């Protein structure tokens, strides 16, 4: 069975490493939690799909325990959890996140996410168990 999580959310010690500071999706998530706001998206379409490690592990173990019949290929898309926050214009969100410690290089990268012509991110639906 192939396991295909979208973006695994860093937690615990893994969220405090130097590498975590440059993981732009997790950094975007971290500072959105920290300032309780998300940037308004003007041009980009789609969604980020975020999932916790524990959710992936639970799904994998659950599939193994159900002893589902083997097929040539099995796929399981791990779907995440969602939080709701205030929506701010990019510039305001970026200022708040940088004041809270967002690295300027990551800020520049995150800002390109919503430029005209940026790629779309298709949303996936979580299958019911």
Protein backbone atom coordinates (compact mmCIF):
# COMPACT_ATOMS: atom_id res chain seq x y z
CA UNK A 1 0.00 0.00 0.00
CA UNK A 2 1.40 3.40 -0.96
CA UNK A 3 0.81 6.09 1.62
CA UNK A 4 0.45 9.62 0.23
CA UNK A 5 0.14 12.30 2.88
CA UNK A 6 -0.03 15.82 1.59
CA UNK A 7 1.97 18.03 3.93
CA UNK A 8 2.81 16.54 7.30
CA UNK A 9 2.60 19.12 10.07
CA UNK A 10 5.74 19.33 12.18
CA UNK A 11 5.17 18.87 15.91
CA UNK A 12 7.27 18.67 19.07
CA UNK A 13 11.05 18.72 18.71
CA UNK A 14 10.79 18.44 14.93
CA UNK A 15 9.03 21.83 14.82
CA UNK A 16 11.93 23.57 16.59
CA UNK A 17 14.85 22.51 14.40
CA UNK A 18 16.77 24.89 12.12
CA UNK A 19 15.39 22.97 9.12
CA UNK A 20 11.83 23.63 10.33
CA UNK A 21 12.43 27.38 9.99
CA UNK A 22 12.90 26.93 6.24
CA UNK A 23 10.05 24.47 5.61
CA UNK A 24 7.83 27.10 4.06
CA UNK A 25 4.46 25.34 4.39
CA UNK A 26 5.03 24.45 8.03
CA UNK A 27 6.44 27.94 8.66
CA UNK A 28 3.34 29.48 7.10
CA UNK A 29 1.24 27.27 9.35
CA UNK A 30 3.34 28.05 12.45
CA UNK A 31 3.09 31.82 12.05
CA UNK A 32 -0.59 31.63 11.12
CA UNK A 33 -1.18 29.85 14.44
CA UNK A 34 1.08 32.31 16.25
CA UNK A 35 -0.64 35.47 14.97
CA UNK A 36 -4.08 33.80 14.65
CA UNK A 37 -4.46 34.95 11.04
CA UNK A 38 -3.92 33.71 7.49
CA UNK A 39 -2.98 35.70 4.38
CA UNK A 40 -5.76 36.50 1.89
CA UNK A 41 -5.23 34.65 -1.39
CA UNK A 42 -6.04 36.72 -4.48
CA UNK A 43 -4.65 34.75 -7.44
CA UNK A 44 -3.91 31.21 -6.38
CA UNK A 45 -6.64 28.58 -6.39
CA UNK A 46 -6.83 25.38 -4.41
CA UNK A 47 -5.95 24.30 -0.92
CA UNK A 48 -3.13 23.19 1.29
CA UNK A 49 -3.79 19.78 2.70
CA UNK A 50 -2.22 19.48 6.11
CA UNK A 51 -2.10 16.31 8.17
CA UNK A 52 -0.55 15.41 11.51
CA UNK A 53 1.88 12.49 11.83
CA UNK A 54 -0.48 10.80 14.29
CA UNK A 55 -3.30 10.90 11.72
CA UNK A 56 -1.05 9.17 9.14
CA UNK A 57 0.01 6.54 11.67
CA UNK A 58 -3.58 5.90 12.77
CA UNK A 59 -4.71 5.51 9.13
CA UNK A 60 -1.87 3.11 8.28
CA UNK A 61 -2.37 0.94 11.38
CA UNK A 62 -6.13 0.98 10.87
CA UNK A 63 -5.77 -0.25 7.28
CA UNK A 64 -3.43 -3.03 8.42
CA UNK A 65 -5.76 -4.11 11.23
CA UNK A 66 -8.75 -4.20 8.87
CA UNK A 67 -6.77 -6.76 6.83
CA UNK A 68 -8.13 -5.39 3.57
CA UNK A 69 -7.66 -7.64 0.50
CA UNK A 70 -4.38 -7.04 -1.30
CA UNK A 71 -4.51 -5.42 -4.73
CA UNK A 72 -1.81 -4.75 -7.29
CA UNK A 73 -1.58 -1.19 -5.96
CA UNK A 74 -3.37 0.52 -3.11
CA UNK A 75 -3.33 4.24 -2.48
CA UNK A 76 -4.35 6.07 0.63
CA UNK A 77 -4.45 9.85 0.67
CA UNK A 78 -4.09 11.11 4.22
CA UNK A 79 -6.32 14.11 4.81
CA UNK A 80 -5.78 16.75 7.40
CA UNK A 81 -7.48 18.86 9.96
CA UNK A 82 -8.55 22.47 9.54
CA UNK A 83 -8.46 25.55 11.77
CA UNK A 84 -10.19 28.88 11.05
CA UNK A 85 -8.42 32.22 11.52
CA UNK A 86 -8.80 35.87 10.63
CA UNK A 87 -7.97 36.59 6.97
CA UNK A 88 -5.53 39.48 6.41
CA UNK A 89 -4.12 41.09 3.26
CA UNK A 90 -0.72 39.57 2.33
CA UNK A 91 1.22 42.69 3.32
CA UNK A 92 -0.39 42.89 6.76
CA UNK A 93 0.00 39.16 7.39
CA UNK A 94 3.64 39.30 6.31
CA UNK A 95 4.40 42.27 8.59
CA UNK A 96 2.83 40.53 11.59
CA UNK A 97 4.56 37.21 10.86
CA UNK A 98 7.96 38.89 10.38
CA UNK A 99 7.48 40.85 13.62
CA UNK A 100 6.79 37.48 15.28
CA UNK A 101 10.04 36.03 13.87
CA UNK A 102 9.35 34.80 10.32
CA UNK A 103 12.69 34.63 8.46
CA UNK A 104 12.81 37.21 5.59
CA UNK A 105 13.93 34.55 3.07
CA UNK A 106 10.92 32.39 3.90
CA UNK A 107 8.70 35.49 3.76
CA UNK A 108 9.93 36.19 0.21
CA UNK A 109 9.24 32.59 -0.81
CA UNK A 110 5.78 32.55 0.77
CA UNK A 111 4.92 35.81 -0.97
CA UNK A 112 5.46 34.19 -4.40
CA UNK A 113 2.69 31.71 -3.57
CA UNK A 114 0.01 34.22 -4.57
CA UNK A 115 1.50 35.91 -7.63
CA UNK A 116 -0.54 35.98 -10.84
CA UNK A 117 0.05 32.71 -12.71
CA UNK A 118 1.05 30.77 -9.58
CA UNK A 119 0.17 27.04 -9.71
CA UNK A 120 -3.14 25.81 -8.34
CA UNK A 121 -3.26 23.28 -5.53
CA UNK A 122 -6.11 20.78 -5.94
CA UNK A 123 -8.03 19.88 -2.81
CA UNK A 124 -8.48 16.24 -1.85
CA UNK A 125 -11.41 14.88 0.11
CA UNK A 126 -10.95 12.65 3.14
CA UNK A 127 -12.59 9.28 2.64
CA UNK A 128 -14.81 8.17 5.48
CA UNK A 129 -13.50 5.14 7.38
